[in-house]
Amino acid sequence: GPYIGGLTHGRFSENIKLCTTSLNEEMLAVVLIFEYDNLVHAEYIVASEKGKSIGALDYLFSTLIKETYKHKQYFDFGISTEDQGRVLNEGLISQKEGFSGRAVVHQHYKMKI
């Protein structure tokens, strides 16, 4: 099953976790989790080729969403874009939508003050 260990990171050490899935001591998938009061934010999501072929990342996310963080109101998968938000990464958005994730467009404005 997934191993959920803490990272020592200054005063936020309790809010940052490195979550992994491995098989026979071989690391298959990794995600860095930032915990907040009502939500969990995922960053630096990666899987090995073997991990991709056997669905290790899907298993990790499923466990995090349905078990580990089921008490949180939101699970934020992070961005699905490249080139500073100009290009949608179809593979990323597809994976996130597979877990019932929905995209939200963030509008940015510049103001002269």
PDB file of N, CA and C in Angstrom:
ATOM      1  N   GLY A   1       0.811  -1.190   0.000  1.00  0.00           N
ATOM      2  CA  GLY A   1       0.000   0.000   0.000  1.00  0.00           C
ATOM      3  C   GLY A   1       0.854   1.252   0.000  1.00  0.00           C
ATOM      4  N   PRO A   2       0.231   2.397  -0.084  1.00  0.00           N
ATOM      5  CA  PRO A   2       0.989   3.650  -0.104  1.00  0.00           C
ATOM      6  C   PRO A   2       1.672   3.900   1.228  1.00  0.00           C
ATOM      7  N   TYR A   3       2.868   4.421   1.178  1.00  0.00           N
ATOM      8  CA  TYR A   3       3.580   4.867   2.364  1.00  0.00           C
ATOM      9  C   TYR A   3       3.430   6.372   2.435  1.00  0.00           C
ATOM     10  N   ILE A   4       3.032   6.882   3.573  1.00  0.00           N
ATOM     11  CA  ILE A   4       2.873   8.320   3.735  1.00  0.00           C
ATOM     12  C   ILE A   4       3.818   8.766   4.836  1.00  0.00           C
ATOM     13  N   GLY A   5       4.873   9.451   4.429  1.00  0.00           N
ATOM     14  CA  GLY A   5       5.892   9.900   5.369  1.00  0.00           C
ATOM     15  C   GLY A   5       5.996  11.411   5.349  1.00  0.00           C
ATOM     16  N   GLY A   6       6.511  11.974   6.424  1.00  0.00           N
ATOM     17  CA  GLY A   6       6.641  13.424   6.520  1.00  0.00           C
ATOM     18  C   GLY A   6       7.987  13.915   6.012  1.00  0.00           C
ATOM     19  N   LEU A   7       8.034  15.116   5.521  1.00  0.00           N
ATOM     20  CA  LEU A   7       9.267  15.789   5.143  1.00  0.00           C
ATOM     21  C   LEU A   7       9.563  16.846   6.192  1.00  0.00           C
ATOM     22  N   THR A   8      10.806  16.953   6.575  1.00  0.00           N
ATOM     23  CA  THR A   8      11.186  18.023   7.487  1.00  0.00           C
ATOM     24  C   THR A   8      11.362  19.274   6.658  1.00  0.00           C
ATOM     25  N   HIS A   9      10.490  20.229   6.862  1.00  0.00           N
ATOM     26  CA  HIS A   9      10.536  21.449   6.054  1.00  0.00           C
ATOM     27  C   HIS A   9      10.149  22.640   6.917  1.00  0.00           C
ATOM     28  N   GLY A  10      11.095  23.043   7.765  1.00  0.00           N
ATOM     29  CA  GLY A  10      10.869  24.214   8.604  1.00  0.00           C
ATOM     30  C   GLY A  10       9.611  24.113   9.433  1.00  0.00           C
ATOM     31  N   ARG A  11       8.913  25.179   9.544  1.00  0.00           N
ATOM     32  CA  ARG A  11       7.722  25.223  10.405  1.00  0.00           C
ATOM     33  C   ARG A  11       6.492  24.616   9.772  1.00  0.00           C
ATOM     34  N   PHE A  12       6.569  24.174   8.512  1.00  0.00           N
ATOM     35  CA  PHE A  12       5.418  23.551   7.860  1.00  0.00           C
ATOM     36  C   PHE A  12       5.558  22.034   7.764  1.00  0.00           C
ATOM     37  N   SER A  13       6.441  21.461   8.544  1.00  0.00           N
ATOM     38  CA  SER A  13       6.716  20.027   8.440  1.00  0.00           C
ATOM     39  C   SER A  13       5.477  19.162   8.636  1.00  0.00           C
ATOM     40  N   GLU A  14       4.522  19.619   9.416  1.00  0.00           N
ATOM     41  CA  GLU A  14       3.306  18.838   9.634  1.00  0.00           C
ATOM     42  C   GLU A  14       2.335  18.936   8.458  1.00  0.00           C
ATOM     43  N   ASN A  15       2.536  19.886   7.566  1.00  0.00           N
ATOM     44  CA  ASN A  15       1.609  20.116   6.461  1.00  0.00           C
ATOM     45  C   ASN A  15       2.115  19.607   5.118  1.00  0.00           C
ATOM     46  N   ILE A  16       3.329  19.093   5.074  1.00  0.00           N
ATOM     47  CA  ILE A  16       3.905  18.635   3.811  1.00  0.00           C
ATOM     48  C   ILE A  16       4.258  17.162   3.951  1.00  0.00           C
ATOM     49  N   LYS A  17       3.727  16.345   3.033  1.00  0.00           N
ATOM     50  CA  LYS A  17       3.954  14.898   3.091  1.00  0.00           C
ATOM     51  C   LYS A  17       4.391  14.395   1.728  1.00  0.00           C
ATOM     52  N   LEU A  18       5.306  13.450   1.731  1.00  0.00           N
ATOM     53  CA  LEU A  18       5.696  12.753   0.525  1.00  0.00           C
ATOM     54  C   LEU A  18       4.971  11.418   0.535  1.00  0.00           C
ATOM     55  N   CYS A  19       4.089  11.207  -0.433  1.00  0.00           N
ATOM     56  CA  CYS A  19       3.295   9.988  -0.493  1.00  0.00           C
ATOM     57  C   CYS A  19       3.785   9.140  -1.659  1.00  0.00           C
ATOM     58  N   THR A  20       3.990   7.862  -1.408  1.00  0.00           N
ATOM     59  CA  THR A  20       4.558   6.986  -2.424  1.00  0.00           C
ATOM     60  C   THR A  20       3.801   5.671  -2.503  1.00  0.00           C
ATOM     61  N   THR A  21       3.945   5.022  -3.644  1.00  0.00           N
ATOM     62  CA  THR A  21       3.474   3.656  -3.823  1.00  0.00           C
ATOM     63  C   THR A  21       4.664   2.840  -4.314  1.00  0.00           C
ATOM     64  N   SER A  22       4.881   1.692  -3.699  1.00  0.00           N
ATOM     65  CA  SER A  22       5.997   0.842  -4.123  1.00  0.00           C
ATOM     66  C   SER A  22       5.558  -0.617  -4.103  1.00  0.00           C
ATOM     67  N   LEU A  23       6.329  -1.420  -4.814  1.00  0.00           N
ATOM     68  CA  LEU A  23       6.080  -2.857  -4.881  1.00  0.00           C
ATOM     69  C   LEU A  23       7.427  -3.544  -4.746  1.00  0.00           C
ATOM     70  N   ASN A  24       7.556  -4.429  -3.757  1.00  0.00           N
ATOM     71  CA  ASN A  24       8.826  -5.117  -3.501  1.00  0.00           C
ATOM     72  C   ASN A  24       9.977  -4.117  -3.377  1.00  0.00           C
ATOM     73  N   GLU A  25       9.756  -3.060  -2.639  1.00  0.00           N
ATOM     74  CA  GLU A  25      10.738  -2.003  -2.374  1.00  0.00           C
ATOM     75  C   GLU A  25      11.134  -1.190  -3.606  1.00  0.00           C
ATOM     76  N   GLU A  26      10.407  -1.346  -4.711  1.00  0.00           N
ATOM     77  CA  GLU A  26      10.645  -0.542  -5.910  1.00  0.00           C
ATOM     78  C   GLU A  26       9.637   0.604  -5.941  1.00  0.00           C
ATOM     79  N   MET A  27      10.128   1.845  -5.951  1.00  0.00           N
ATOM     80  CA  MET A  27       9.271   3.021  -5.981  1.00  0.00           C
ATOM     81  C   MET A  27       8.562   3.092  -7.330  1.00  0.00           C
ATOM     82  N   LEU A  28       7.224   3.214  -7.306  1.00  0.00           N
ATOM     83  CA  LEU A  28       6.437   3.226  -8.539  1.00  0.00           C
ATOM     84  C   LEU A  28       5.774   4.565  -8.811  1.00  0.00           C
ATOM     85  N   ALA A  29       5.328   5.256  -7.760  1.00  0.00           N
ATOM     86  CA  ALA A  29       4.648   6.545  -7.925  1.00  0.00           C
ATOM     87  C   ALA A  29       4.891   7.408  -6.701  1.00  0.00           C
ATOM     88  N   VAL A  30       4.963   8.724  -6.947  1.00  0.00           N
ATOM     89  CA  VAL A  30       5.255   9.680  -5.873  1.00  0.00           C
ATOM     90  C   VAL A  30       4.425  10.938  -6.092  1.00  0.00           C
ATOM     91  N   VAL A  31       3.935  11.515  -5.005  1.00  0.00           N
ATOM     92  CA  VAL A  31       3.267  12.809  -5.054  1.00  0.00           C
ATOM     93  C   VAL A  31       3.577  13.561  -3.758  1.00  0.00           C
ATOM     94  N   LEU A  32       3.852  14.836  -3.885  1.00  0.00           N
ATOM     95  CA  LEU A  32       4.089  15.686  -2.725  1.00  0.00           C
ATOM     96  C   LEU A  32       2.761  16.345  -2.364  1.00  0.00           C
ATOM     97  N   ILE A  33       2.349  16.200  -1.114  1.00  0.00           N
ATOM     98  CA  ILE A  33       1.049  16.688  -0.642  1.00  0.00           C
ATOM     99  C   ILE A  33       1.240  17.856   0.312  1.00  0.00           C
ATOM    100  N   PHE A  34       0.462  18.913   0.097  1.00  0.00           N
ATOM    101  CA  PHE A  34       0.394  20.056   1.004  1.00  0.00           C
ATOM    102  C   PHE A  34      -0.983  20.026   1.650  1.00  0.00           C
ATOM    103  N   GLU A  35      -1.032  19.915   2.968  1.00  0.00           N
ATOM    104  CA  GLU A  35      -2.292  19.820   3.696  1.00  0.00           C
ATOM    105  C   GLU A  35      -2.707  21.186   4.234  1.00  0.00           C
ATOM    106  N   TYR A  36      -3.980  21.508   4.052  1.00  0.00           N
ATOM    107  CA  TYR A  36      -4.579  22.729   4.592  1.00  0.00           C
ATOM    108  C   TYR A  36      -5.823  22.328   5.376  1.00  0.00           C
ATOM    109  N   ASP A  37      -6.484  23.296   5.995  1.00  0.00           N
ATOM    110  CA  ASP A  37      -7.656  22.985   6.817  1.00  0.00           C
ATOM    111  C   ASP A  37      -8.729  22.215   6.047  1.00  0.00           C
ATOM    112  N   ASN A  38      -9.168  22.738   4.902  1.00  0.00           N
ATOM    113  CA  ASN A  38     -10.258  22.128   4.150  1.00  0.00           C
ATOM    114  C   ASN A  38      -9.832  21.407   2.885  1.00  0.00           C
ATOM    115  N   LEU A  39      -8.539  21.490   2.538  1.00  0.00           N
ATOM    116  CA  LEU A  39      -8.129  20.884   1.276  1.00  0.00           C
ATOM    117  C   LEU A  39      -6.742  20.298   1.336  1.00  0.00           C
ATOM    118  N   VAL A  40      -6.482  19.470   0.328  1.00  0.00           N
ATOM    119  CA  VAL A  40      -5.179  18.861   0.122  1.00  0.00           C
ATOM    120  C   VAL A  40      -4.758  19.240  -1.289  1.00  0.00           C
ATOM    121  N   HIS A  41      -3.499  19.684  -1.436  1.00  0.00           N
ATOM    122  CA  HIS A  41      -2.987  20.092  -2.744  1.00  0.00           C
ATOM    123  C   HIS A  41      -1.845  19.158  -3.144  1.00  0.00           C
ATOM    124  N   ALA A  42      -1.915  18.606  -4.365  1.00  0.00           N
ATOM    125  CA  ALA A  42      -0.898  17.689  -4.873  1.00  0.00           C
ATOM    126  C   ALA A  42       0.042  18.423  -5.828  1.00  0.00           C
ATOM    127  N   GLU A  43       1.333  18.144  -5.696  1.00  0.00           N
ATOM    128  CA  GLU A  43       2.363  18.720  -6.581  1.00  0.00           C
ATOM    129  C   GLU A  43       3.382  17.642  -6.892  1.00  0.00           C
ATOM    130  N   TYR A  44       4.205  17.903  -7.888  1.00  0.00           N
ATOM    131  CA  TYR A  44       5.333  17.037  -8.225  1.00  0.00           C
ATOM    132  C   TYR A  44       4.898  15.573  -8.343  1.00  0.00           C
ATOM    133  N   ILE A  45       3.933  15.334  -9.196  1.00  0.00           N
ATOM    134  CA  ILE A  45       3.349  14.016  -9.409  1.00  0.00           C
ATOM    135  C   ILE A  45       4.199  13.266 -10.438  1.00  0.00           C
ATOM    136  N   VAL A  46       4.659  12.063 -10.084  1.00  0.00           N
ATOM    137  CA  VAL A  46       5.505  11.308 -11.006  1.00  0.00           C
ATOM    138  C   VAL A  46       5.309   9.807 -10.796  1.00  0.00           C
ATOM    139  N   ALA A  47       5.458   9.058 -11.895  1.00  0.00           N
ATOM    140  CA  ALA A  47       5.406   7.595 -11.835  1.00  0.00           C
ATOM    141  C   ALA A  47       6.482   7.035 -12.751  1.00  0.00           C
ATOM    142  N   SER A  48       7.069   5.925 -12.345  1.00  0.00           N
ATOM    143  CA  SER A  48       8.048   5.242 -13.190  1.00  0.00           C
ATOM    144  C   SER A  48       7.313   4.585 -14.364  1.00  0.00           C
ATOM    145  N   GLU A  49       8.047   4.116 -15.338  1.00  0.00           N
ATOM    146  CA  GLU A  49       7.416   3.424 -16.471  1.00  0.00           C
ATOM    147  C   GLU A  49       6.633   2.209 -15.988  1.00  0.00           C
ATOM    148  N   LYS A  50       7.217   1.435 -15.074  1.00  0.00           N
ATOM    149  CA  LYS A  50       6.507   0.276 -14.525  1.00  0.00           C
ATOM    150  C   LYS A  50       5.272   0.737 -13.760  1.00  0.00           C
ATOM    151  N   GLY A  51       5.438   1.816 -12.984  1.00  0.00           N
ATOM    152  CA  GLY A  51       4.310   2.357 -12.235  1.00  0.00           C
ATOM    153  C   GLY A  51       3.170   2.771 -13.142  1.00  0.00           C
ATOM    154  N   LYS A  52       3.509   3.404 -14.278  1.00  0.00           N
ATOM    155  CA  LYS A  52       2.482   3.791 -15.251  1.00  0.00           C
ATOM    156  C   LYS A  52       1.784   2.570 -15.823  1.00  0.00           C
ATOM    157  N   SER A  53       2.561   1.528 -16.122  1.00  0.00           N
ATOM    158  CA  SER A  53       1.985   0.350 -16.781  1.00  0.00           C
ATOM    159  C   SER A  53       1.035  -0.433 -15.882  1.00  0.00           C
ATOM    160  N   ILE A  54       1.215  -0.328 -14.555  1.00  0.00           N
ATOM    161  CA  ILE A  54       0.329  -1.076 -13.654  1.00  0.00           C
ATOM    162  C   ILE A  54      -0.643  -0.187 -12.885  1.00  0.00           C
ATOM    163  N   GLY A  55      -0.687   1.107 -13.205  1.00  0.00           N
ATOM    164  CA  GLY A  55      -1.660   2.002 -12.575  1.00  0.00           C
ATOM    165  C   GLY A  55      -1.322   2.409 -11.153  1.00  0.00           C
ATOM    166  N   ALA A  56      -0.031   2.488 -10.823  1.00  0.00           N
ATOM    167  CA  ALA A  56       0.381   2.821  -9.457  1.00  0.00           C
ATOM    168  C   ALA A  56      -0.058   4.220  -9.039  1.00  0.00           C
ATOM    169  N   LEU A  57      -0.016   5.172  -9.961  1.00  0.00           N
ATOM    170  CA  LEU A  57      -0.430   6.536  -9.630  1.00  0.00           C
ATOM    171  C   LEU A  57      -1.931   6.603  -9.384  1.00  0.00           C
ATOM    172  N   ASP A  58      -2.692   5.902 -10.196  1.00  0.00           N
ATOM    173  CA  ASP A  58      -4.141   5.838  -9.978  1.00  0.00           C
ATOM    174  C   ASP A  58      -4.450   5.238  -8.610  1.00  0.00           C
ATOM    175  N   TYR A  59      -3.723   4.178  -8.261  1.00  0.00           N
ATOM    176  CA  TYR A  59      -3.914   3.547  -6.955  1.00  0.00           C
ATOM    177  C   TYR A  59      -3.574   4.520  -5.826  1.00  0.00           C
ATOM    178  N   LEU A  60      -2.464   5.240  -5.988  1.00  0.00           N
ATOM    179  CA  LEU A  60      -2.049   6.200  -4.969  1.00  0.00           C
ATOM    180  C   LEU A  60      -3.095   7.292  -4.789  1.00  0.00           C
ATOM    181  N   PHE A  61      -3.549   7.894  -5.897  1.00  0.00           N
ATOM    182  CA  PHE A  61      -4.565   8.942  -5.795  1.00  0.00           C
ATOM    183  C   PHE A  61      -5.870   8.413  -5.213  1.00  0.00           C
ATOM    184  N   SER A  62      -6.277   7.242  -5.643  1.00  0.00           N
ATOM    185  CA  SER A  62      -7.509   6.654  -5.126  1.00  0.00           C
ATOM    186  C   SER A  62      -7.433   6.470  -3.619  1.00  0.00           C
ATOM    187  N   THR A  63      -6.309   5.984  -3.128  1.00  0.00           N
ATOM    188  CA  THR A  63      -6.121   5.788  -1.689  1.00  0.00           C
ATOM    189  C   THR A  63      -6.115   7.118  -0.945  1.00  0.00           C
ATOM    190  N   LEU A  64      -5.418   8.103  -1.508  1.00  0.00           N
ATOM    191  CA  LEU A  64      -5.361   9.414  -0.856  1.00  0.00           C
ATOM    192  C   LEU A  64      -6.742  10.057  -0.773  1.00  0.00           C
ATOM    193  N   ILE A  65      -7.503   9.988  -1.865  1.00  0.00           N
ATOM    194  CA  ILE A  65      -8.816  10.636  -1.921  1.00  0.00           C
ATOM    195  C   ILE A  65      -9.853   9.889  -1.088  1.00  0.00           C
ATOM    196  N   LYS A  66      -9.914   8.578  -1.231  1.00  0.00           N
ATOM    197  CA  LYS A  66     -10.977   7.789  -0.593  1.00  0.00           C
ATOM    198  C   LYS A  66     -10.687   7.387   0.848  1.00  0.00           C
ATOM    199  N   GLU A  67      -9.408   7.381   1.236  1.00  0.00           N
ATOM    200  CA  GLU A  67      -9.073   6.932   2.583  1.00  0.00           C
ATOM    201  C   GLU A  67      -8.319   7.992   3.391  1.00  0.00           C
ATOM    202  N   THR A  68      -7.106   8.286   2.970  1.00  0.00           N
ATOM    203  CA  THR A  68      -6.232   9.152   3.751  1.00  0.00           C
ATOM    204  C   THR A  68      -6.839  10.529   4.003  1.00  0.00           C
ATOM    205  N   TYR A  69      -7.394  11.146   2.953  1.00  0.00           N
ATOM    206  CA  TYR A  69      -7.910  12.510   3.072  1.00  0.00           C
ATOM    207  C   TYR A  69      -9.418  12.593   2.820  1.00  0.00           C
ATOM    208  N   LYS A  70     -10.139  11.535   3.130  1.00  0.00           N
ATOM    209  CA  LYS A  70     -11.589  11.541   2.896  1.00  0.00           C
ATOM    210  C   LYS A  70     -12.305  12.591   3.744  1.00  0.00           C
ATOM    211  N   HIS A  71     -11.682  13.034   4.815  1.00  0.00           N
ATOM    212  CA  HIS A  71     -12.278  14.042   5.697  1.00  0.00           C
ATOM    213  C   HIS A  71     -12.096  15.468   5.170  1.00  0.00           C
ATOM    214  N   LYS A  72     -11.284  15.654   4.143  1.00  0.00           N
ATOM    215  CA  LYS A  72     -11.062  16.986   3.575  1.00  0.00           C
ATOM    216  C   LYS A  72     -12.159  17.305   2.557  1.00  0.00           C
ATOM    217  N   GLN A  73     -12.528  18.561   2.476  1.00  0.00           N
ATOM    218  CA  GLN A  73     -13.590  18.977   1.557  1.00  0.00           C
ATOM    219  C   GLN A  73     -13.125  18.965   0.109  1.00  0.00           C
ATOM    220  N   TYR A  74     -11.855  19.316  -0.148  1.00  0.00           N
ATOM    221  CA  TYR A  74     -11.334  19.413  -1.510  1.00  0.00           C
ATOM    222  C   TYR A  74     -10.008  18.681  -1.656  1.00  0.00           C
ATOM    223  N   PHE A  75      -9.799  18.118  -2.847  1.00  0.00           N
ATOM    224  CA  PHE A  75      -8.506  17.552  -3.238  1.00  0.00           C
ATOM    225  C   PHE A  75      -8.095  18.281  -4.504  1.00  0.00           C
ATOM    226  N   ASP A  76      -7.047  19.086  -4.419  1.00  0.00           N
ATOM    227  CA  ASP A  76      -6.584  19.925  -5.523  1.00  0.00           C
ATOM    228  C   ASP A  76      -5.435  19.221  -6.234  1.00  0.00           C
ATOM    229  N   PHE A  77      -5.643  18.869  -7.507  1.00  0.00           N
ATOM    230  CA  PHE A  77      -4.619  18.196  -8.294  1.00  0.00           C
ATOM    231  C   PHE A  77      -3.577  19.162  -8.859  1.00  0.00           C
ATOM    232  N   GLY A  78      -3.778  20.444  -8.706  1.00  0.00           N
ATOM    233  CA  GLY A  78      -2.832  21.407  -9.262  1.00  0.00           C
ATOM    234  C   GLY A  78      -3.143  21.718 -10.719  1.00  0.00           C
ATOM    235  N   ILE A  79      -2.215  22.399 -11.357  1.00  0.00           N
ATOM    236  CA  ILE A  79      -2.447  22.885 -12.713  1.00  0.00           C
ATOM    237  C   ILE A  79      -2.327  21.769 -13.747  1.00  0.00           C
ATOM    238  N   SER A  80      -2.936  22.007 -14.898  1.00  0.00           N
ATOM    239  CA  SER A  80      -2.866  21.080 -16.034  1.00  0.00           C
ATOM    240  C   SER A  80      -2.380  21.805 -17.273  1.00  0.00           C
ATOM    241  N   THR A  81      -1.612  22.847 -17.069  1.00  0.00           N
ATOM    242  CA  THR A  81      -1.159  23.659 -18.198  1.00  0.00           C
ATOM    243  C   THR A  81       0.360  23.728 -18.252  1.00  0.00           C
ATOM    244  N   GLU A  82       0.821  24.193 -19.390  1.00  0.00           N
ATOM    245  CA  GLU A  82       2.252  24.416 -19.611  1.00  0.00           C
ATOM    246  C   GLU A  82       2.414  25.814 -20.188  1.00  0.00           C
ATOM    247  N   ASP A  83       3.655  26.239 -20.350  1.00  0.00           N
ATOM    248  CA  ASP A  83       3.960  27.542 -20.947  1.00  0.00           C
ATOM    249  C   ASP A  83       3.215  28.671 -20.235  1.00  0.00           C
ATOM    250  N   GLN A  84       3.349  28.693 -18.906  1.00  0.00           N
ATOM    251  CA  GLN A  84       2.729  29.718 -18.065  1.00  0.00           C
ATOM    252  C   GLN A  84       1.217  29.821 -18.272  1.00  0.00           C
ATOM    253  N   GLY A  85       0.575  28.672 -18.405  1.00  0.00           N
ATOM    254  CA  GLY A  85      -0.875  28.631 -18.523  1.00  0.00           C
ATOM    255  C   GLY A  85      -1.419  28.797 -19.925  1.00  0.00           C
ATOM    256  N   ARG A  86      -0.557  28.884 -20.913  1.00  0.00           N
ATOM    257  CA  ARG A  86      -1.007  29.111 -22.291  1.00  0.00           C
ATOM    258  C   ARG A  86      -1.397  27.836 -23.024  1.00  0.00           C
ATOM    259  N   VAL A  87      -0.897  26.681 -22.563  1.00  0.00           N
ATOM    260  CA  VAL A  87      -1.137  25.417 -23.258  1.00  0.00           C
ATOM    261  C   VAL A  87      -1.718  24.401 -22.284  1.00  0.00           C
ATOM    262  N   LEU A  88      -2.853  23.825 -22.647  1.00  0.00           N
ATOM    263  CA  LEU A  88      -3.483  22.791 -21.827  1.00  0.00           C
ATOM    264  C   LEU A  88      -2.805  21.452 -22.113  1.00  0.00           C
ATOM    265  N   ASN A  89      -2.354  20.758 -21.074  1.00  0.00           N
ATOM    266  CA  ASN A  89      -1.770  19.430 -21.215  1.00  0.00           C
ATOM    267  C   ASN A  89      -2.920  18.429 -21.167  1.00  0.00           C
ATOM    268  N   GLU A  90      -3.281  17.889 -22.324  1.00  0.00           N
ATOM    269  CA  GLU A  90      -4.444  16.998 -22.444  1.00  0.00           C
ATOM    270  C   GLU A  90      -4.323  15.759 -21.567  1.00  0.00           C
ATOM    271  N   GLY A  91      -3.119  15.189 -21.464  1.00  0.00           N
ATOM    272  CA  GLY A  91      -2.920  14.001 -20.638  1.00  0.00           C
ATOM    273  C   GLY A  91      -3.159  14.278 -19.167  1.00  0.00           C
ATOM    274  N   LEU A  92      -2.654  15.407 -18.681  1.00  0.00           N
ATOM    275  CA  LEU A  92      -2.849  15.768 -17.274  1.00  0.00           C
ATOM    276  C   LEU A  92      -4.315  16.006 -16.951  1.00  0.00           C
ATOM    277  N   ILE A  93      -4.993  16.780 -17.772  1.00  0.00           N
ATOM    278  CA  ILE A  93      -6.399  17.085 -17.484  1.00  0.00           C
ATOM    279  C   ILE A  93      -7.261  15.828 -17.579  1.00  0.00           C
ATOM    280  N   SER A  94      -6.929  14.951 -18.506  1.00  0.00           N
ATOM    281  CA  SER A  94      -7.662  13.699 -18.655  1.00  0.00           C
ATOM    282  C   SER A  94      -7.521  12.832 -17.405  1.00  0.00           C
ATOM    283  N   GLN A  95      -6.301  12.725 -16.886  1.00  0.00           N
ATOM    284  CA  GLN A  95      -6.079  11.928 -15.685  1.00  0.00           C
ATOM    285  C   GLN A  95      -6.868  12.498 -14.506  1.00  0.00           C
ATOM    286  N   LYS A  96      -6.833  13.799 -14.349  1.00  0.00           N
ATOM    287  CA  LYS A  96      -7.516  14.439 -13.226  1.00  0.00           C
ATOM    288  C   LYS A  96      -9.031  14.334 -13.360  1.00  0.00           C
ATOM    289  N   GLU A  97      -9.535  14.445 -14.582  1.00  0.00           N
ATOM    290  CA  GLU A  97     -10.971  14.281 -14.793  1.00  0.00           C
ATOM    291  C   GLU A  97     -11.409  12.840 -14.531  1.00  0.00           C
ATOM    292  N   GLY A  98     -10.477  11.894 -14.676  1.00  0.00           N
ATOM    293  CA  GLY A  98     -10.766  10.499 -14.366  1.00  0.00           C
ATOM    294  C   GLY A  98     -11.078  10.283 -12.895  1.00  0.00           C
ATOM    295  N   PHE A  99     -10.657  11.193 -12.049  1.00  0.00           N
ATOM    296  CA  PHE A  99     -10.976  11.155 -10.618  1.00  0.00           C
ATOM    297  C   PHE A  99     -12.063  12.165 -10.271  1.00  0.00           C
ATOM    298  N   SER A 100     -12.857  12.551 -11.259  1.00  0.00           N
ATOM    299  CA  SER A 100     -13.961  13.506 -11.113  1.00  0.00           C
ATOM    300  C   SER A 100     -13.481  14.926 -10.874  1.00  0.00           C
ATOM    301  N   GLY A 101     -12.223  15.201 -11.194  1.00  0.00           N
ATOM    302  CA  GLY A 101     -11.708  16.563 -11.085  1.00  0.00           C
ATOM    303  C   GLY A 101     -12.285  17.433 -12.182  1.00  0.00           C
ATOM    304  N   ARG A 102     -12.398  18.709 -11.918  1.00  0.00           N
ATOM    305  CA  ARG A 102     -12.897  19.666 -12.903  1.00  0.00           C
ATOM    306  C   ARG A 102     -11.950  20.841 -12.976  1.00  0.00           C
ATOM    307  N   ALA A 103     -11.757  21.338 -14.183  1.00  0.00           N
ATOM    308  CA  ALA A 103     -10.840  22.462 -14.399  1.00  0.00           C
ATOM    309  C   ALA A 103     -11.512  23.778 -14.038  1.00  0.00           C
ATOM    310  N   VAL A 104     -10.711  24.695 -13.547  1.00  0.00           N
ATOM    311  CA  VAL A 104     -11.149  26.044 -13.236  1.00  0.00           C
ATOM    312  C   VAL A 104     -10.163  26.997 -13.902  1.00  0.00           C
ATOM    313  N   VAL A 105     -10.687  27.969 -14.625  1.00  0.00           N
ATOM    314  CA  VAL A 105      -9.826  28.941 -15.288  1.00  0.00           C
ATOM    315  C   VAL A 105      -9.566  30.095 -14.330  1.00  0.00           C
ATOM    316  N   HIS A 106      -8.301  30.395 -14.149  1.00  0.00           N
ATOM    317  CA  HIS A 106      -7.914  31.529 -13.312  1.00  0.00           C
ATOM    318  C   HIS A 106      -7.598  32.706 -14.225  1.00  0.00           C
ATOM    319  N   GLN A 107      -8.280  33.796 -14.025  1.00  0.00           N
ATOM    320  CA  GLN A 107      -8.017  34.995 -14.819  1.00  0.00           C
ATOM    321  C   GLN A 107      -7.043  35.877 -14.050  1.00  0.00           C
ATOM    322  N   HIS A 108      -6.113  36.457 -14.801  1.00  0.00           N
ATOM    323  CA  HIS A 108      -5.106  37.335 -14.204  1.00  0.00           C
ATOM    324  C   HIS A 108      -5.264  38.734 -14.791  1.00  0.00           C
ATOM    325  N   TYR A 109      -5.129  39.717 -13.944  1.00  0.00           N
ATOM    326  CA  TYR A 109      -5.263  41.111 -14.357  1.00  0.00           C
ATOM    327  C   TYR A 109      -4.049  41.891 -13.901  1.00  0.00           C
ATOM    328  N   LYS A 110      -3.635  42.836 -14.704  1.00  0.00           N
ATOM    329  CA  LYS A 110      -2.570  43.761 -14.310  1.00  0.00           C
ATOM    330  C   LYS A 110      -3.203  45.116 -14.060  1.00  0.00           C
ATOM    331  N   MET A 111      -2.791  45.726 -12.944  1.00  0.00           N
ATOM    332  CA  MET A 111      -3.319  47.044 -12.614  1.00  0.00           C
ATOM    333  C   MET A 111      -2.158  47.990 -12.409  1.00  0.00           C
ATOM    334  N   LYS A 112      -2.289  49.157 -12.947  1.00  0.00           N
ATOM    335  CA  LYS A 112      -1.304  50.202 -12.693  1.00  0.00           C
ATOM    336  C   LYS A 112      -1.708  50.905 -11.408  1.00  0.00           C
ATOM    337  N   ILE A 113      -0.783  50.983 -10.481  1.00  0.00           N
ATOM    338  CA  ILE A 113      -1.119  51.673  -9.231  1.00  0.00           C
ATOM    339  C   ILE A 113      -0.113  52.764  -8.955  1.00  0.00           C
TER     340      ILE A 113
END
